[in-house]
């Protein structure tokens, strides 16, 4: 989905602040939120693609003003409500006020019917598709061409896995893109490598 979460390659957000010595957690509730979502995944309450998609579904103003663990907590709470483990009203009562959840999900999709198995050196193009549900394709590579470098083992196909849709597992391909092709007149001469699922790719002919 084209959501506020897909910020790769976008401008206007200022310098990325990075501190090698930054603490992992800053408050006790962050530790608990992280542990609870990890436990829910381990116990099969939801999977990682469902978890990621619930974060993607956050309202843009909420997403941009929330920290990392608030996004995790929002995803956890949203999925627990959607799966009937708790009600939104119960959360609001415990919080002593309004409790924001992610927006409803759009339908997912299965694998592409006709997929190509690629090999190192293949010239490929990322399909120019706009998906309503969960997708693990960064927007900045949509419609762009690159070169296959290597192939991974298979993984659950995220577009289906995040929605409970039956699908075959797929490999990802390490695809090398030229930065100047991804961002014409706006990037240094560099190469960008992205892991791209098989259903997202076609031969560049």
Protein backbone atom coordinates (compact mmCIF):
# COMPACT_ATOMS: atom_id res chain seq x y z
CA UNK A 1 0.00 0.00 0.00
CA UNK A 2 1.10 3.58 -0.58
CA UNK A 3 1.19 4.66 3.04
CA UNK A 4 2.98 7.26 5.12
CA UNK A 5 5.33 4.50 6.31
CA UNK A 6 6.99 4.20 2.88
CA UNK A 7 9.49 7.02 3.36
CA UNK A 8 12.50 5.52 1.54
CA UNK A 9 14.05 8.00 -0.86
CA UNK A 10 11.70 10.84 0.05
CA UNK A 11 12.95 14.35 0.76
CA UNK A 12 11.91 17.07 3.17
CA UNK A 13 12.35 15.29 6.50
CA UNK A 14 15.71 16.83 7.37
CA UNK A 15 18.90 15.15 8.45
CA UNK A 16 18.70 11.62 9.82
CA UNK A 17 19.68 11.78 13.49
CA UNK A 18 21.82 8.83 14.51
CA UNK A 19 23.63 8.05 17.75
CA UNK A 20 25.65 4.84 18.05
CA UNK A 21 25.28 4.92 21.83
CA UNK A 22 21.52 5.55 21.93
CA UNK A 23 19.58 3.48 24.47
CA UNK A 24 17.35 0.74 23.06
CA UNK A 25 14.56 1.55 25.52
CA UNK A 26 13.82 4.85 27.24
CA UNK A 27 10.83 3.93 29.40
CA UNK A 28 9.56 0.77 31.09
CA UNK A 29 6.40 0.62 28.98
CA UNK A 30 8.54 0.30 25.84
CA UNK A 31 10.12 -2.87 27.20
CA UNK A 32 6.69 -4.34 27.95
CA UNK A 33 5.26 -3.37 24.56
CA UNK A 34 8.19 -4.97 22.77
CA UNK A 35 7.91 -8.14 24.86
CA UNK A 36 4.14 -8.43 24.35
CA UNK A 37 4.27 -8.16 20.56
CA UNK A 38 7.15 -10.66 20.44
CA UNK A 39 5.17 -13.06 22.62
CA UNK A 40 2.07 -12.65 20.43
CA UNK A 41 4.07 -13.59 17.33
CA UNK A 42 5.69 -16.54 19.11
CA UNK A 43 2.27 -17.82 20.25
CA UNK A 44 0.76 -17.47 16.79
CA UNK A 45 -1.68 -14.68 17.60
CA UNK A 46 -0.48 -12.89 14.47
CA UNK A 47 2.51 -13.04 12.14
CA UNK A 48 5.14 -10.46 11.30
CA UNK A 49 3.50 -9.39 8.07
CA UNK A 50 0.22 -8.75 9.88
CA UNK A 51 2.20 -6.82 12.50
CA UNK A 52 3.96 -4.69 9.88
CA UNK A 53 0.72 -4.04 8.00
CA UNK A 54 -1.06 -2.82 11.14
CA UNK A 55 1.72 -0.23 11.53
CA UNK A 56 1.34 0.74 7.87
CA UNK A 57 -2.38 1.30 8.49
CA UNK A 58 -1.85 3.94 11.16
CA UNK A 59 -3.33 7.34 10.34
CA UNK A 60 -0.54 9.51 8.87
CA UNK A 61 -0.58 12.17 11.65
CA UNK A 62 -0.40 9.41 14.26
CA UNK A 63 2.37 7.54 12.45
CA UNK A 64 4.55 10.62 12.00
CA UNK A 65 4.24 11.74 15.63
CA UNK A 66 4.59 8.28 17.21
CA UNK A 67 7.87 6.76 18.31
CA UNK A 68 9.05 3.28 17.40
CA UNK A 69 7.47 1.50 20.36
CA UNK A 70 4.22 3.46 20.16
CA UNK A 71 3.87 2.13 16.62
CA UNK A 72 4.53 -1.38 17.92
CA UNK A 73 1.94 -0.92 20.65
CA UNK A 74 -0.63 0.45 18.19
CA UNK A 75 -0.10 -2.56 15.92
CA UNK A 76 -0.37 -4.99 18.85
CA UNK A 77 -3.56 -3.38 20.16
CA UNK A 78 -5.15 -3.16 16.70
CA UNK A 79 -4.54 -6.82 15.93
CA UNK A 80 -5.73 -7.97 19.35
CA UNK A 81 -8.99 -6.07 18.76
CA UNK A 82 -9.38 -7.42 15.24
CA UNK A 83 -8.79 -10.99 16.43
CA UNK A 84 -11.31 -10.68 19.28
CA UNK A 85 -8.89 -10.86 22.21
CA UNK A 86 -9.93 -7.47 23.60
CA UNK A 87 -12.39 -4.74 22.63
CA UNK A 88 -11.63 -1.17 21.68
CA UNK A 89 -13.89 -0.05 24.52
CA UNK A 90 -11.89 -2.08 27.05
CA UNK A 91 -8.67 -0.48 25.85
CA UNK A 92 -10.16 3.00 26.12
CA UNK A 93 -11.36 2.24 29.64
CA UNK A 94 -7.92 1.01 30.70
CA UNK A 95 -6.25 4.02 29.07
CA UNK A 96 -8.67 6.46 30.67
CA UNK A 97 -9.55 8.03 27.32
CA UNK A 98 -9.47 7.59 23.58
CA UNK A 99 -7.19 4.79 22.36
CA UNK A 100 -6.09 5.21 18.72
CA UNK A 101 -5.96 2.10 16.56
CA UNK A 102 -4.85 1.56 12.98
CA UNK A 103 -7.32 2.04 10.14
CA UNK A 104 -9.11 -0.99 8.57
CA UNK A 105 -7.19 -3.23 6.22
CA UNK A 106 -7.70 -3.59 2.47
CA UNK A 107 -7.76 -7.12 0.98
CA UNK A 108 -4.53 -8.95 0.28
CA UNK A 109 -3.54 -10.91 -2.81
CA UNK A 110 -1.85 -14.19 -3.71
CA UNK A 111 1.22 -14.88 -5.84
CA UNK A 112 1.38 -13.67 -9.40
CA UNK A 113 0.01 -16.46 -11.60
CA UNK A 114 2.96 -16.49 -14.01
CA UNK A 115 6.29 -15.93 -12.28
CA UNK A 116 9.79 -16.14 -13.67
CA UNK A 117 12.73 -17.73 -11.85
CA UNK A 118 15.68 -15.40 -12.35
CA UNK A 119 19.43 -16.04 -12.23
CA UNK A 120 22.39 -13.85 -11.48
CA UNK A 121 22.96 -11.30 -14.22
CA UNK A 122 19.33 -11.13 -15.43
CA UNK A 123 18.10 -7.68 -16.34
CA UNK A 124 14.81 -7.19 -14.50
CA UNK A 125 12.16 -4.54 -13.97
CA UNK A 126 10.00 -4.05 -10.92
CA UNK A 127 6.33 -4.24 -11.87
CA UNK A 128 4.58 -0.88 -11.80
CA UNK A 129 1.78 -1.97 -9.47
CA UNK A 130 -0.16 -0.16 -6.78
CA UNK A 131 -1.36 -2.62 -4.12
CA UNK A 132 -4.13 -1.73 -1.68
CA UNK A 133 -3.02 -4.15 1.03
CA UNK A 134 0.33 -5.14 2.51
CA UNK A 135 3.31 -5.20 0.17
CA UNK A 136 7.06 -5.42 0.81
CA UNK A 137 8.12 -3.40 -2.21
CA UNK A 138 9.48 0.07 -1.47
CA UNK A 139 7.80 2.67 -3.64
CA UNK A 140 11.06 4.13 -4.92
CA UNK A 141 11.83 0.97 -6.97
CA UNK A 142 8.37 0.66 -8.56
CA UNK A 143 8.76 0.54 -12.36
CA UNK A 144 12.57 0.71 -12.13
CA UNK A 145 15.05 -1.69 -13.72
CA UNK A 146 18.09 -3.37 -12.23
CA UNK A 147 20.31 -6.45 -12.29
CA UNK A 148 19.83 -9.67 -10.31
CA UNK A 149 22.86 -10.41 -8.12
CA UNK A 150 21.69 -13.42 -6.12
CA UNK A 151 18.65 -15.42 -4.96
CA UNK A 152 17.51 -16.14 -1.40
CA UNK A 153 15.71 -19.14 0.10
CA UNK A 154 11.90 -18.91 0.01
CA UNK A 155 9.86 -16.88 2.49
CA UNK A 156 6.11 -16.41 3.05
CA UNK A 157 4.76 -14.06 0.37
CA UNK A 158 3.98 -10.91 2.38
CA UNK A 159 1.05 -9.67 0.26
CA UNK A 160 -0.79 -12.86 1.21
CA UNK A 161 0.79 -13.63 4.60
CA UNK A 162 -0.31 -10.28 6.02
CA UNK A 163 -3.95 -11.03 5.17
CA UNK A 164 -4.41 -14.76 5.72
CA UNK A 165 -4.54 -15.41 1.98
CA UNK A 166 -3.22 -18.84 0.81
CA UNK A 167 -0.04 -18.50 -1.26
CA UNK A 168 3.21 -20.24 -2.12
CA UNK A 169 6.41 -19.14 -0.45
CA UNK A 170 8.70 -17.16 -2.73
CA UNK A 171 12.39 -16.29 -2.95
CA UNK A 172 13.61 -12.74 -2.97
CA UNK A 173 16.28 -11.54 -5.36
CA UNK A 174 19.09 -9.19 -4.47
CA UNK A 175 18.58 -6.63 -7.23
CA UNK A 176 21.16 -3.92 -7.87
CA UNK A 177 19.85 -0.53 -8.97
CA UNK A 178 21.78 2.56 -10.06
CA UNK A 179 20.97 5.41 -7.68
CA UNK A 180 20.86 7.90 -10.56
CA UNK A 181 18.12 5.77 -12.18
CA UNK A 182 16.06 5.65 -8.98
CA UNK A 183 16.40 9.40 -8.35
CA UNK A 184 17.35 11.16 -11.61
CA UNK A 185 19.38 14.34 -11.05
CA UNK A 186 19.01 13.87 -7.33
CA UNK A 187 21.51 11.21 -6.29
CA UNK A 188 25.22 10.57 -6.21
CA UNK A 189 26.79 7.89 -8.38
CA UNK A 190 26.10 4.85 -6.24
CA UNK A 191 24.42 1.46 -6.34
CA UNK A 192 21.44 0.42 -4.22
CA UNK A 193 20.67 -3.24 -3.45
CA UNK A 194 17.10 -4.26 -2.61
CA UNK A 195 15.64 -7.70 -1.79
CA UNK A 196 12.67 -8.02 -4.16
CA UNK A 197 10.08 -10.82 -4.11
CA UNK A 198 9.68 -12.88 -7.28
CA UNK A 199 6.08 -11.78 -7.91
CA UNK A 200 7.22 -8.17 -8.06
CA UNK A 201 9.70 -8.74 -10.92
CA UNK A 202 9.64 -9.26 -14.66
CA UNK A 203 12.37 -9.51 -17.30
CA UNK A 204 13.43 -6.13 -18.62
CA UNK A 205 13.12 -6.58 -22.38
